[in-house]
Amino acid sequence: MMSTAEMDAMRATQESLLTVSCTINRFTSAPDGMGGVTETWTTVATVSCRLNPRQTQPADATIANAPRNVSGWIITLPYGTDVHDRDRITIGTRTFEVDKALEYTPLETALRVIATEVV
């Protein structure tokens, strides 16, 4: 079994390979004072990341009557990053919706999420 110091060193090495900045946005709603709600995306974190395509083919889809280009992506984030399913991650001018955060194991060095690009 690895020591805590060894795992910390491996996580630091992994994080040094995350060379792009991204923002994590979470959907929130709040009363608007007139009986309705205001829905917004709130930035909850800015972290470094890495973007890689999944080994699947893109497909076109219509979701909620809006065209959406569905192609799989893997976004790697620092270990311990708080990401929920349906959060959105913005990298440059591109936005991705988190489909699933992959579960941690005791030897994880980073968080990987499966995401779909929102067009």
PDB file of N, CA and C in Angstrom:
ATOM      1  N   MET A   1       0.841  -1.183   0.000  1.00  0.00           N
ATOM      2  CA  MET A   1       0.000   0.000   0.000  1.00  0.00           C
ATOM      3  C   MET A   1       0.886   1.247   0.000  1.00  0.00           C
ATOM      4  N   MET A   2       0.440   2.249  -0.734  1.00  0.00           N
ATOM      5  CA  MET A   2       1.207   3.496  -0.810  1.00  0.00           C
ATOM      6  C   MET A   2       0.935   4.360   0.408  1.00  0.00           C
ATOM      7  N   SER A   3       1.927   5.135   0.766  1.00  0.00           N
ATOM      8  CA  SER A   3       1.763   6.063   1.881  1.00  0.00           C
ATOM      9  C   SER A   3       1.000   7.299   1.414  1.00  0.00           C
ATOM     10  N   THR A   4       0.515   8.060   2.353  1.00  0.00           N
ATOM     11  CA  THR A   4      -0.177   9.314   2.031  1.00  0.00           C
ATOM     12  C   THR A   4       0.751  10.261   1.272  1.00  0.00           C
ATOM     13  N   ALA A   5       2.003  10.323   1.684  1.00  0.00           N
ATOM     14  CA  ALA A   5       2.973  11.198   1.015  1.00  0.00           C
ATOM     15  C   ALA A   5       3.184  10.776  -0.443  1.00  0.00           C
ATOM     16  N   GLU A   6       3.253   9.462  -0.687  1.00  0.00           N
ATOM     17  CA  GLU A   6       3.417   8.974  -2.053  1.00  0.00           C
ATOM     18  C   GLU A   6       2.193   9.314  -2.911  1.00  0.00           C
ATOM     19  N   MET A   7       0.983   9.133  -2.353  1.00  0.00           N
ATOM     20  CA  MET A   7      -0.234   9.476  -3.100  1.00  0.00           C
ATOM     21  C   MET A   7      -0.294  10.977  -3.374  1.00  0.00           C
ATOM     22  N   ASP A   8       0.058  11.784  -2.397  1.00  0.00           N
ATOM     23  CA  ASP A   8       0.073  13.234  -2.597  1.00  0.00           C
ATOM     24  C   ASP A   8       1.042  13.621  -3.713  1.00  0.00           C
ATOM     25  N   ALA A   9       2.194  12.976  -3.763  1.00  0.00           N
ATOM     26  CA  ALA A   9       3.185  13.265  -4.808  1.00  0.00           C
ATOM     27  C   ALA A   9       2.646  12.855  -6.180  1.00  0.00           C
ATOM     28  N   MET A  10       1.987  11.700  -6.245  1.00  0.00           N
ATOM     29  CA  MET A  10       1.417  11.263  -7.522  1.00  0.00           C
ATOM     30  C   MET A  10       0.301  12.201  -7.975  1.00  0.00           C
ATOM     31  N   ARG A  11      -0.522  12.667  -7.044  1.00  0.00           N
ATOM     32  CA  ARG A  11      -1.594  13.606  -7.398  1.00  0.00           C
ATOM     33  C   ARG A  11      -1.015  14.930  -7.876  1.00  0.00           C
ATOM     34  N   ALA A  12       0.054  15.384  -7.251  1.00  0.00           N
ATOM     35  CA  ALA A  12       0.694  16.635  -7.686  1.00  0.00           C
ATOM     36  C   ALA A  12       1.269  16.474  -9.094  1.00  0.00           C
ATOM     37  N   THR A  13       1.867  15.321  -9.377  1.00  0.00           N
ATOM     38  CA  THR A  13       2.393  15.063 -10.725  1.00  0.00           C
ATOM     39  C   THR A  13       1.251  15.065 -11.737  1.00  0.00           C
ATOM     40  N   GLN A  14       0.166  14.375 -11.415  1.00  0.00           N
ATOM     41  CA  GLN A  14      -1.001  14.342 -12.308  1.00  0.00           C
ATOM     42  C   GLN A  14      -1.530  15.761 -12.547  1.00  0.00           C
ATOM     43  N   GLU A  15      -1.638  16.544 -11.481  1.00  0.00           N
ATOM     44  CA  GLU A  15      -2.172  17.901 -11.628  1.00  0.00           C
ATOM     45  C   GLU A  15      -1.267  18.776 -12.491  1.00  0.00           C
ATOM     46  N   SER A  16       0.038  18.522 -12.467  1.00  0.00           N
ATOM     47  CA  SER A  16       0.952  19.318 -13.298  1.00  0.00           C
ATOM     48  C   SER A  16       0.712  19.075 -14.793  1.00  0.00           C
ATOM     49  N   LEU A  17       0.042  17.976 -15.132  1.00  0.00           N
ATOM     50  CA  LEU A  17      -0.269  17.658 -16.526  1.00  0.00           C
ATOM     51  C   LEU A  17      -1.600  18.260 -16.986  1.00  0.00           C
ATOM     52  N   LEU A  18      -2.333  18.871 -16.061  1.00  0.00           N
ATOM     53  CA  LEU A  18      -3.608  19.516 -16.397  1.00  0.00           C
ATOM     54  C   LEU A  18      -3.287  20.967 -16.738  1.00  0.00           C
ATOM     55  N   THR A  19      -3.138  21.256 -18.015  1.00  0.00           N
ATOM     56  CA  THR A  19      -2.549  22.528 -18.444  1.00  0.00           C
ATOM     57  C   THR A  19      -3.552  23.567 -18.931  1.00  0.00           C
ATOM     58  N   VAL A  20      -4.836  23.245 -18.909  1.00  0.00           N
ATOM     59  CA  VAL A  20      -5.857  24.171 -19.402  1.00  0.00           C
ATOM     60  C   VAL A  20      -6.745  24.583 -18.235  1.00  0.00           C
ATOM     61  N   SER A  21      -7.143  25.835 -18.206  1.00  0.00           N
ATOM     62  CA  SER A  21      -8.043  26.313 -17.155  1.00  0.00           C
ATOM     63  C   SER A  21      -9.494  26.105 -17.576  1.00  0.00           C
ATOM     64  N   CYS A  22     -10.341  25.750 -16.612  1.00  0.00           N
ATOM     65  CA  CYS A  22     -11.764  25.593 -16.906  1.00  0.00           C
ATOM     66  C   CYS A  22     -12.581  26.091 -15.722  1.00  0.00           C
ATOM     67  N   THR A  23     -13.847  26.403 -15.998  1.00  0.00           N
ATOM     68  CA  THR A  23     -14.757  26.789 -14.920  1.00  0.00           C
ATOM     69  C   THR A  23     -15.836  25.731 -14.797  1.00  0.00           C
ATOM     70  N   ILE A  24     -16.215  25.453 -13.567  1.00  0.00           N
ATOM     71  CA  ILE A  24     -17.297  24.518 -13.282  1.00  0.00           C
ATOM     72  C   ILE A  24     -18.498  25.348 -12.886  1.00  0.00           C
ATOM     73  N   ASN A  25     -19.616  25.146 -13.599  1.00  0.00           N
ATOM     74  CA  ASN A  25     -20.831  25.920 -13.373  1.00  0.00           C
ATOM     75  C   ASN A  25     -21.945  24.988 -12.934  1.00  0.00           C
ATOM     76  N   ARG A  26     -22.740  25.456 -11.964  1.00  0.00           N
ATOM     77  CA  ARG A  26     -23.837  24.652 -11.426  1.00  0.00           C
ATOM     78  C   ARG A  26     -25.130  25.428 -11.585  1.00  0.00           C
ATOM     79  N   PHE A  27     -26.193  24.715 -12.003  1.00  0.00           N
ATOM     80  CA  PHE A  27     -27.511  25.304 -12.202  1.00  0.00           C
ATOM     81  C   PHE A  27     -28.114  25.647 -10.837  1.00  0.00           C
ATOM     82  N   THR A  28     -28.603  26.867 -10.705  1.00  0.00           N
ATOM     83  CA  THR A  28     -29.262  27.277  -9.473  1.00  0.00           C
ATOM     84  C   THR A  28     -30.536  28.040  -9.818  1.00  0.00           C
ATOM     85  N   SER A  29     -31.453  28.044  -8.889  1.00  0.00           N
ATOM     86  CA  SER A  29     -32.656  28.866  -9.048  1.00  0.00           C
ATOM     87  C   SER A  29     -32.932  29.549  -7.722  1.00  0.00           C
ATOM     88  N   ALA A  30     -33.473  30.750  -7.818  1.00  0.00           N
ATOM     89  CA  ALA A  30     -33.773  31.537  -6.628  1.00  0.00           C
ATOM     90  C   ALA A  30     -35.066  32.311  -6.860  1.00  0.00           C
ATOM     91  N   PRO A  31     -35.821  32.581  -5.784  1.00  0.00           N
ATOM     92  CA  PRO A  31     -37.046  33.369  -5.944  1.00  0.00           C
ATOM     93  C   PRO A  31     -36.737  34.724  -6.579  1.00  0.00           C
ATOM     94  N   ASP A  32     -37.615  35.152  -7.497  1.00  0.00           N
ATOM     95  CA  ASP A  32     -37.383  36.437  -8.158  1.00  0.00           C
ATOM     96  C   ASP A  32     -38.123  37.581  -7.487  1.00  0.00           C
ATOM     97  N   GLY A  33     -38.838  37.309  -6.368  1.00  0.00           N
ATOM     98  CA  GLY A  33     -39.556  38.351  -5.643  1.00  0.00           C
ATOM     99  C   GLY A  33     -40.934  38.642  -6.196  1.00  0.00           C
ATOM    100  N   MET A  34     -41.301  37.984  -7.301  1.00  0.00           N
ATOM    101  CA  MET A  34     -42.612  38.214  -7.902  1.00  0.00           C
ATOM    102  C   MET A  34     -43.376  36.894  -8.052  1.00  0.00           C
ATOM    103  N   GLY A  35     -43.019  35.895  -7.251  1.00  0.00           N
ATOM    104  CA  GLY A  35     -43.707  34.619  -7.289  1.00  0.00           C
ATOM    105  C   GLY A  35     -43.100  33.598  -8.232  1.00  0.00           C
ATOM    106  N   GLY A  36     -42.095  33.991  -8.961  1.00  0.00           N
ATOM    107  CA  GLY A  36     -41.424  33.071  -9.880  1.00  0.00           C
ATOM    108  C   GLY A  36     -40.009  32.785  -9.406  1.00  0.00           C
ATOM    109  N   VAL A  37     -39.233  32.232 -10.292  1.00  0.00           N
ATOM    110  CA  VAL A  37     -37.837  31.959  -9.963  1.00  0.00           C
ATOM    111  C   VAL A  37     -36.935  32.460 -11.078  1.00  0.00           C
ATOM    112  N   THR A  38     -35.732  32.790 -10.702  1.00  0.00           N
ATOM    113  CA  THR A  38     -34.696  33.149 -11.660  1.00  0.00           C
ATOM    114  C   THR A  38     -33.736  31.969 -11.726  1.00  0.00           C
ATOM    115  N   GLU A  39     -33.519  31.459 -12.921  1.00  0.00           N
ATOM    116  CA  GLU A  39     -32.631  30.324 -13.115  1.00  0.00           C
ATOM    117  C   GLU A  39     -31.333  30.805 -13.733  1.00  0.00           C
ATOM    118  N   THR A  40     -30.230  30.409 -13.134  1.00  0.00           N
ATOM    119  CA  THR A  40     -28.919  30.836 -13.623  1.00  0.00           C
ATOM    120  C   THR A  40     -27.900  29.710 -13.469  1.00  0.00           C
ATOM    121  N   TRP A  41     -26.784  29.864 -14.174  1.00  0.00           N
ATOM    122  CA  TRP A  41     -25.632  29.002 -13.985  1.00  0.00           C
ATOM    123  C   TRP A  41     -24.637  29.798 -13.159  1.00  0.00           C
ATOM    124  N   THR A  42     -24.221  29.232 -12.043  1.00  0.00           N
ATOM    125  CA  THR A  42     -23.300  29.895 -11.131  1.00  0.00           C
ATOM    126  C   THR A  42     -21.949  29.192 -11.176  1.00  0.00           C
ATOM    127  N   THR A  43     -20.884  29.972 -11.310  1.00  0.00           N
ATOM    128  CA  THR A  43     -19.542  29.397 -11.292  1.00  0.00           C
ATOM    129  C   THR A  43     -19.210  28.974  -9.869  1.00  0.00           C
ATOM    130  N   VAL A  44     -18.868  27.691  -9.700  1.00  0.00           N
ATOM    131  CA  VAL A  44     -18.542  27.179  -8.371  1.00  0.00           C
ATOM    132  C   VAL A  44     -17.043  26.932  -8.193  1.00  0.00           C
ATOM    133  N   ALA A  45     -16.298  26.866  -9.301  1.00  0.00           N
ATOM    134  CA  ALA A  45     -14.850  26.657  -9.189  1.00  0.00           C
ATOM    135  C   ALA A  45     -14.177  26.958 -10.517  1.00  0.00           C
ATOM    136  N   THR A  46     -12.928  27.342 -10.436  1.00  0.00           N
ATOM    137  CA  THR A  46     -12.055  27.453 -11.599  1.00  0.00           C
ATOM    138  C   THR A  46     -10.835  26.595 -11.282  1.00  0.00           C
ATOM    139  N   VAL A  47     -10.587  25.601 -12.111  1.00  0.00           N
ATOM    140  CA  VAL A  47      -9.496  24.653 -11.872  1.00  0.00           C
ATOM    141  C   VAL A  47      -8.775  24.358 -13.183  1.00  0.00           C
ATOM    142  N   SER A  48      -7.662  23.664 -13.084  1.00  0.00           N
ATOM    143  CA  SER A  48      -6.981  23.211 -14.300  1.00  0.00           C
ATOM    144  C   SER A  48      -7.583  21.882 -14.725  1.00  0.00           C
ATOM    145  N   CYS A  49      -7.470  21.586 -16.012  1.00  0.00           N
ATOM    146  CA  CYS A  49      -8.086  20.364 -16.532  1.00  0.00           C
ATOM    147  C   CYS A  49      -7.380  19.919 -17.804  1.00  0.00           C
ATOM    148  N   ARG A  50      -7.871  18.796 -18.329  1.00  0.00           N
ATOM    149  CA  ARG A  50      -7.415  18.279 -19.615  1.00  0.00           C
ATOM    150  C   ARG A  50      -8.635  17.703 -20.319  1.00  0.00           C
ATOM    151  N   LEU A  51      -8.743  17.907 -21.619  1.00  0.00           N
ATOM    152  CA  LEU A  51      -9.875  17.446 -22.414  1.00  0.00           C
ATOM    153  C   LEU A  51      -9.396  16.415 -23.424  1.00  0.00           C
ATOM    154  N   ASN A  52     -10.075  15.259 -23.437  1.00  0.00           N
ATOM    155  CA  ASN A  52      -9.755  14.205 -24.405  1.00  0.00           C
ATOM    156  C   ASN A  52     -11.045  13.635 -24.973  1.00  0.00           C
ATOM    157  N   PRO A  53     -11.050  13.269 -26.264  1.00  0.00           N
ATOM    158  CA  PRO A  53     -12.237  12.625 -26.823  1.00  0.00           C
ATOM    159  C   PRO A  53     -12.372  11.207 -26.294  1.00  0.00           C
ATOM    160  N   ARG A  54     -13.625  10.762 -26.143  1.00  0.00           N
ATOM    161  CA  ARG A  54     -13.878   9.362 -25.807  1.00  0.00           C
ATOM    162  C   ARG A  54     -13.704   8.545 -27.076  1.00  0.00           C
ATOM    163  N   GLN A  55     -13.639   7.280 -26.927  1.00  0.00           N
ATOM    164  CA  GLN A  55     -13.485   6.394 -28.077  1.00  0.00           C
ATOM    165  C   GLN A  55     -14.846   5.986 -28.634  1.00  0.00           C
ATOM    166  N   THR A  56     -15.730   6.972 -28.839  1.00  0.00           N
ATOM    167  CA  THR A  56     -17.036   6.718 -29.431  1.00  0.00           C
ATOM    168  C   THR A  56     -17.251   7.687 -30.576  1.00  0.00           C
ATOM    169  N   GLN A  57     -18.192   7.389 -31.427  1.00  0.00           N
ATOM    170  CA  GLN A  57     -18.499   8.244 -32.557  1.00  0.00           C
ATOM    171  C   GLN A  57     -19.528   9.301 -32.165  1.00  0.00           C
ATOM    172  N   PRO A  58     -19.391  10.544 -32.638  1.00  0.00           N
ATOM    173  CA  PRO A  58     -20.397  11.559 -32.357  1.00  0.00           C
ATOM    174  C   PRO A  58     -21.720  11.230 -33.033  1.00  0.00           C
ATOM    175  N   ALA A  59     -22.790  11.744 -32.464  1.00  0.00           N
ATOM    176  CA  ALA A  59     -24.124  11.552 -33.034  1.00  0.00           C
ATOM    177  C   ALA A  59     -24.910  12.837 -32.844  1.00  0.00           C
ATOM    178  N   ASP A  60     -25.831  13.105 -33.741  1.00  0.00           N
ATOM    179  CA  ASP A  60     -26.676  14.275 -33.596  1.00  0.00           C
ATOM    180  C   ASP A  60     -27.906  13.891 -32.797  1.00  0.00           C
ATOM    181  N   ALA A  61     -28.379  14.811 -31.994  1.00  0.00           N
ATOM    182  CA  ALA A  61     -29.570  14.539 -31.188  1.00  0.00           C
ATOM    183  C   ALA A  61     -30.339  15.833 -30.997  1.00  0.00           C
ATOM    184  N   THR A  62     -31.597  15.702 -30.733  1.00  0.00           N
ATOM    185  CA  THR A  62     -32.417  16.846 -30.364  1.00  0.00           C
ATOM    186  C   THR A  62     -32.893  16.605 -28.946  1.00  0.00           C
ATOM    187  N   ILE A  63     -32.581  17.540 -28.070  1.00  0.00           N
ATOM    188  CA  ILE A  63     -32.967  17.436 -26.674  1.00  0.00           C
ATOM    189  C   ILE A  63     -33.729  18.698 -26.326  1.00  0.00           C
ATOM    190  N   ALA A  64     -34.944  18.540 -25.799  1.00  0.00           N
ATOM    191  CA  ALA A  64     -35.815  19.671 -25.455  1.00  0.00           C
ATOM    192  C   ALA A  64     -36.004  20.588 -26.651  1.00  0.00           C
ATOM    193  N   ASN A  65     -36.214  20.002 -27.820  1.00  0.00           N
ATOM    194  CA  ASN A  65     -36.454  20.720 -29.069  1.00  0.00           C
ATOM    195  C   ASN A  65     -35.293  21.609 -29.505  1.00  0.00           C
ATOM    196  N   ALA A  66     -34.112  21.364 -28.954  1.00  0.00           N
ATOM    197  CA  ALA A  66     -32.938  22.139 -29.351  1.00  0.00           C
ATOM    198  C   ALA A  66     -31.890  21.194 -29.919  1.00  0.00           C
ATOM    199  N   PRO A  67     -31.335  21.523 -31.084  1.00  0.00           N
ATOM    200  CA  PRO A  67     -30.299  20.647 -31.635  1.00  0.00           C
ATOM    201  C   PRO A  67     -29.088  20.640 -30.721  1.00  0.00           C
ATOM    202  N   ARG A  68     -28.500  19.486 -30.600  1.00  0.00           N
ATOM    203  CA  ARG A  68     -27.349  19.348 -29.724  1.00  0.00           C
ATOM    204  C   ARG A  68     -26.407  18.332 -30.347  1.00  0.00           C
ATOM    205  N   ASN A  69     -25.164  18.690 -30.471  1.00  0.00           N
ATOM    206  CA  ASN A  69     -24.165  17.771 -30.991  1.00  0.00           C
ATOM    207  C   ASN A  69     -23.698  16.901 -29.834  1.00  0.00           C
ATOM    208  N   VAL A  70     -23.951  15.624 -29.928  1.00  0.00           N
ATOM    209  CA  VAL A  70     -23.594  14.718 -28.850  1.00  0.00           C
ATOM    210  C   VAL A  70     -22.328  13.970 -29.231  1.00  0.00           C
ATOM    211  N   SER A  71     -21.266  14.230 -28.538  1.00  0.00           N
ATOM    212  CA  SER A  71     -20.048  13.459 -28.731  1.00  0.00           C
ATOM    213  C   SER A  71     -19.400  13.321 -27.368  1.00  0.00           C
ATOM    214  N   GLY A  72     -18.818  12.198 -27.128  1.00  0.00           N
ATOM    215  CA  GLY A  72     -18.285  11.927 -25.807  1.00  0.00           C
ATOM    216  C   GLY A  72     -16.922  12.540 -25.578  1.00  0.00           C
ATOM    217  N   TRP A  73     -16.751  13.063 -24.409  1.00  0.00           N
ATOM    218  CA  TRP A  73     -15.488  13.651 -24.002  1.00  0.00           C
ATOM    219  C   TRP A  73     -15.154  13.178 -22.599  1.00  0.00           C
ATOM    220  N   ILE A  74     -13.878  13.089 -22.317  1.00  0.00           N
ATOM    221  CA  ILE A  74     -13.390  12.832 -20.962  1.00  0.00           C
ATOM    222  C   ILE A  74     -12.671  14.105 -20.523  1.00  0.00           C
ATOM    223  N   ILE A  75     -13.109  14.646 -19.393  1.00  0.00           N
ATOM    224  CA  ILE A  75     -12.442  15.815 -18.825  1.00  0.00           C
ATOM    225  C   ILE A  75     -11.781  15.348 -17.529  1.00  0.00           C
ATOM    226  N   THR A  76     -10.480  15.580 -17.436  1.00  0.00           N
ATOM    227  CA  THR A  76      -9.716  15.202 -16.245  1.00  0.00           C
ATOM    228  C   THR A  76      -9.507  16.453 -15.402  1.00  0.00           C
ATOM    229  N   LEU A  77      -9.823  16.341 -14.121  1.00  0.00           N
ATOM    230  CA  LEU A  77      -9.757  17.460 -13.172  1.00  0.00           C
ATOM    231  C   LEU A  77      -8.903  17.043 -11.975  1.00  0.00           C
ATOM    232  N   PRO A  78      -8.445  17.992 -11.174  1.00  0.00           N
ATOM    233  CA  PRO A  78      -7.658  17.627  -9.998  1.00  0.00           C
ATOM    234  C   PRO A  78      -8.447  16.727  -9.041  1.00  0.00           C
ATOM    235  N   TYR A  79      -7.739  15.846  -8.375  1.00  0.00           N
ATOM    236  CA  TYR A  79      -8.331  14.960  -7.384  1.00  0.00           C
ATOM    237  C   TYR A  79      -9.074  15.805  -6.340  1.00  0.00           C
ATOM    238  N   GLY A  80     -10.274  15.371  -5.995  1.00  0.00           N
ATOM    239  CA  GLY A  80     -11.052  16.058  -4.963  1.00  0.00           C
ATOM    240  C   GLY A  80     -11.921  17.189  -5.480  1.00  0.00           C
ATOM    241  N   THR A  81     -11.906  17.463  -6.787  1.00  0.00           N
ATOM    242  CA  THR A  81     -12.744  18.521  -7.346  1.00  0.00           C
ATOM    243  C   THR A  81     -14.218  18.151  -7.167  1.00  0.00           C
ATOM    244  N   ASP A  82     -15.021  19.113  -6.737  1.00  0.00           N
ATOM    245  CA  ASP A  82     -16.454  18.896  -6.522  1.00  0.00           C
ATOM    246  C   ASP A  82     -17.191  19.108  -7.837  1.00  0.00           C
ATOM    247  N   VAL A  83     -17.632  18.004  -8.453  1.00  0.00           N
ATOM    248  CA  VAL A  83     -18.376  18.059  -9.711  1.00  0.00           C
ATOM    249  C   VAL A  83     -19.588  17.150  -9.582  1.00  0.00           C
ATOM    250  N   HIS A  84     -20.739  17.660  -9.997  1.00  0.00           N
ATOM    251  CA  HIS A  84     -21.980  16.890  -9.959  1.00  0.00           C
ATOM    252  C   HIS A  84     -22.428  16.571 -11.384  1.00  0.00           C
ATOM    253  N   ASP A  85     -23.194  15.491 -11.520  1.00  0.00           N
ATOM    254  CA  ASP A  85     -23.823  15.214 -12.807  1.00  0.00           C
ATOM    255  C   ASP A  85     -24.672  16.426 -13.167  1.00  0.00           C
ATOM    256  N   ARG A  86     -24.668  16.806 -14.436  1.00  0.00           N
ATOM    257  CA  ARG A  86     -25.409  17.936 -14.992  1.00  0.00           C
ATOM    258  C   ARG A  86     -24.716  19.281 -14.781  1.00  0.00           C
ATOM    259  N   ASP A  87     -23.593  19.334 -14.054  1.00  0.00           N
ATOM    260  CA  ASP A  87     -22.807  20.563 -14.004  1.00  0.00           C
ATOM    261  C   ASP A  87     -22.313  20.845 -15.415  1.00  0.00           C
ATOM    262  N   ARG A  88     -21.922  22.068 -15.648  1.00  0.00           N
ATOM    263  CA  ARG A  88     -21.329  22.424 -16.943  1.00  0.00           C
ATOM    264  C   ARG A  88     -19.904  22.889 -16.714  1.00  0.00           C
ATOM    265  N   ILE A  89     -19.037  22.458 -17.620  1.00  0.00           N
ATOM    266  CA  ILE A  89     -17.626  22.831 -17.557  1.00  0.00           C
ATOM    267  C   ILE A  89     -17.307  23.618 -18.813  1.00  0.00           C
ATOM    268  N   THR A  90     -16.778  24.817 -18.636  1.00  0.00           N
ATOM    269  CA  THR A  90     -16.419  25.670 -19.755  1.00  0.00           C
ATOM    270  C   THR A  90     -14.907  25.685 -19.900  1.00  0.00           C
ATOM    271  N   ILE A  91     -14.457  25.342 -21.105  1.00  0.00           N
ATOM    272  CA  ILE A  91     -13.038  25.352 -21.443  1.00  0.00           C
ATOM    273  C   ILE A  91     -12.902  26.267 -22.648  1.00  0.00           C
ATOM    274  N   GLY A  92     -12.304  27.416 -22.457  1.00  0.00           N
ATOM    275  CA  GLY A  92     -12.229  28.400 -23.542  1.00  0.00           C
ATOM    276  C   GLY A  92     -13.629  28.825 -23.932  1.00  0.00           C
ATOM    277  N   THR A  93     -13.980  28.652 -25.206  1.00  0.00           N
ATOM    278  CA  THR A  93     -15.313  29.024 -25.691  1.00  0.00           C
ATOM    279  C   THR A  93     -16.245  27.823 -25.769  1.00  0.00           C
ATOM    280  N   ARG A  94     -15.776  26.661 -25.332  1.00  0.00           N
ATOM    281  CA  ARG A  94     -16.570  25.432 -25.422  1.00  0.00           C
ATOM    282  C   ARG A  94     -17.188  25.093 -24.064  1.00  0.00           C
ATOM    283  N   THR A  95     -18.427  24.588 -24.105  1.00  0.00           N
ATOM    284  CA  THR A  95     -19.133  24.208 -22.887  1.00  0.00           C
ATOM    285  C   THR A  95     -19.508  22.731 -22.967  1.00  0.00           C
ATOM    286  N   PHE A  96     -19.312  22.038 -21.857  1.00  0.00           N
ATOM    287  CA  PHE A  96     -19.593  20.607 -21.766  1.00  0.00           C
ATOM    288  C   PHE A  96     -20.508  20.367 -20.570  1.00  0.00           C
ATOM    289  N   GLU A  97     -21.460  19.459 -20.736  1.00  0.00           N
ATOM    290  CA  GLU A  97     -22.319  19.077 -19.624  1.00  0.00           C
ATOM    291  C   GLU A  97     -21.849  17.736 -19.087  1.00  0.00           C
ATOM    292  N   VAL A  98     -21.702  17.658 -17.770  1.00  0.00           N
ATOM    293  CA  VAL A  98     -21.230  16.426 -17.140  1.00  0.00           C
ATOM    294  C   VAL A  98     -22.341  15.384 -17.181  1.00  0.00           C
ATOM    295  N   ASP A  99     -22.051  14.266 -17.821  1.00  0.00           N
ATOM    296  CA  ASP A  99     -22.978  13.139 -17.835  1.00  0.00           C
ATOM    297  C   ASP A  99     -22.769  12.268 -16.605  1.00  0.00           C
ATOM    298  N   LYS A 100     -21.509  12.068 -16.251  1.00  0.00           N
ATOM    299  CA  LYS A 100     -21.198  11.193 -15.121  1.00  0.00           C
ATOM    300  C   LYS A 100     -19.788  11.458 -14.646  1.00  0.00           C
ATOM    301  N   ALA A 101     -19.664  11.659 -13.341  1.00  0.00           N
ATOM    302  CA  ALA A 101     -18.336  11.717 -12.728  1.00  0.00           C
ATOM    303  C   ALA A 101     -17.948  10.284 -12.382  1.00  0.00           C
ATOM    304  N   LEU A 102     -16.792   9.852 -12.831  1.00  0.00           N
ATOM    305  CA  LEU A 102     -16.359   8.484 -12.567  1.00  0.00           C
ATOM    306  C   LEU A 102     -15.990   8.352 -11.090  1.00  0.00           C
ATOM    307  N   GLU A 103     -16.314   7.230 -10.507  1.00  0.00           N
ATOM    308  CA  GLU A 103     -16.122   7.044  -9.075  1.00  0.00           C
ATOM    309  C   GLU A 103     -14.646   6.970  -8.705  1.00  0.00           C
ATOM    310  N   TYR A 104     -14.365   7.469  -7.504  1.00  0.00           N
ATOM    311  CA  TYR A 104     -13.010   7.412  -6.971  1.00  0.00           C
ATOM    312  C   TYR A 104     -12.684   6.020  -6.454  1.00  0.00           C
ATOM    313  N   THR A 105     -11.423   5.682  -6.533  1.00  0.00           N
ATOM    314  CA  THR A 105     -10.896   4.520  -5.828  1.00  0.00           C
ATOM    315  C   THR A 105      -9.809   5.055  -4.899  1.00  0.00           C
ATOM    316  N   PRO A 106      -9.382   4.289  -3.927  1.00  0.00           N
ATOM    317  CA  PRO A 106      -8.362   4.806  -2.991  1.00  0.00           C
ATOM    318  C   PRO A 106      -7.064   5.246  -3.667  1.00  0.00           C
ATOM    319  N   LEU A 107      -6.800   4.753  -4.863  1.00  0.00           N
ATOM    320  CA  LEU A 107      -5.541   5.101  -5.536  1.00  0.00           C
ATOM    321  C   LEU A 107      -5.726   6.105  -6.663  1.00  0.00           C
ATOM    322  N   GLU A 108      -6.841   6.827  -6.702  1.00  0.00           N
ATOM    323  CA  GLU A 108      -7.075   7.841  -7.746  1.00  0.00           C
ATOM    324  C   GLU A 108      -6.081   8.979  -7.608  1.00  0.00           C
ATOM    325  N   THR A 109      -5.658   9.481  -8.757  1.00  0.00           N
ATOM    326  CA  THR A 109      -4.789  10.654  -8.760  1.00  0.00           C
ATOM    327  C   THR A 109      -5.478  11.864  -9.369  1.00  0.00           C
ATOM    328  N   ALA A 110      -6.664  11.661  -9.961  1.00  0.00           N
ATOM    329  CA  ALA A 110      -7.417  12.759 -10.580  1.00  0.00           C
ATOM    330  C   ALA A 110      -8.868  12.333 -10.674  1.00  0.00           C
ATOM    331  N   LEU A 111      -9.738  13.303 -10.932  1.00  0.00           N
ATOM    332  CA  LEU A 111     -11.149  13.021 -11.178  1.00  0.00           C
ATOM    333  C   LEU A 111     -11.373  13.060 -12.687  1.00  0.00           C
ATOM    334  N   ARG A 112     -12.023  12.056 -13.208  1.00  0.00           N
ATOM    335  CA  ARG A 112     -12.370  12.041 -14.634  1.00  0.00           C
ATOM    336  C   ARG A 112     -13.882  12.047 -14.752  1.00  0.00           C
ATOM    337  N   VAL A 113     -14.385  12.875 -15.667  1.00  0.00           N
ATOM    338  CA  VAL A 113     -15.823  12.929 -15.914  1.00  0.00           C
ATOM    339  C   VAL A 113     -16.087  12.667 -17.392  1.00  0.00           C
ATOM    340  N   ILE A 114     -17.225  12.029 -17.644  1.00  0.00           N
ATOM    341  CA  ILE A 114     -17.693  11.853 -19.011  1.00  0.00           C
ATOM    342  C   ILE A 114     -18.619  13.017 -19.283  1.00  0.00           C
ATOM    343  N   ALA A 115     -18.423  13.705 -20.400  1.00  0.00           N
ATOM    344  CA  ALA A 115     -19.187  14.910 -20.687  1.00  0.00           C
ATOM    345  C   ALA A 115     -19.616  14.953 -22.147  1.00  0.00           C
ATOM    346  N   THR A 116     -20.647  15.745 -22.397  1.00  0.00           N
ATOM    347  CA  THR A 116     -21.167  15.973 -23.729  1.00  0.00           C
ATOM    348  C   THR A 116     -21.028  17.455 -24.047  1.00  0.00           C
ATOM    349  N   GLU A 117     -20.517  17.779 -25.234  1.00  0.00           N
ATOM    350  CA  GLU A 117     -20.379  19.177 -25.606  1.00  0.00           C
ATOM    351  C   GLU A 117     -21.747  19.760 -25.916  1.00  0.00           C
ATOM    352  N   VAL A 118     -22.021  20.933 -25.384  1.00  0.00           N
ATOM    353  CA  VAL A 118     -23.280  21.632 -25.618  1.00  0.00           C
ATOM    354  C   VAL A 118     -23.028  22.640 -26.729  1.00  0.00           C
ATOM    355  N   VAL A 119     -23.789  22.509 -27.805  1.00  0.00           N
ATOM    356  CA  VAL A 119     -23.593  23.396 -28.949  1.00  0.00           C
ATOM    357  C   VAL A 119     -24.791  24.309 -29.085  1.00  0.00           C
TER     358      VAL A 119
END
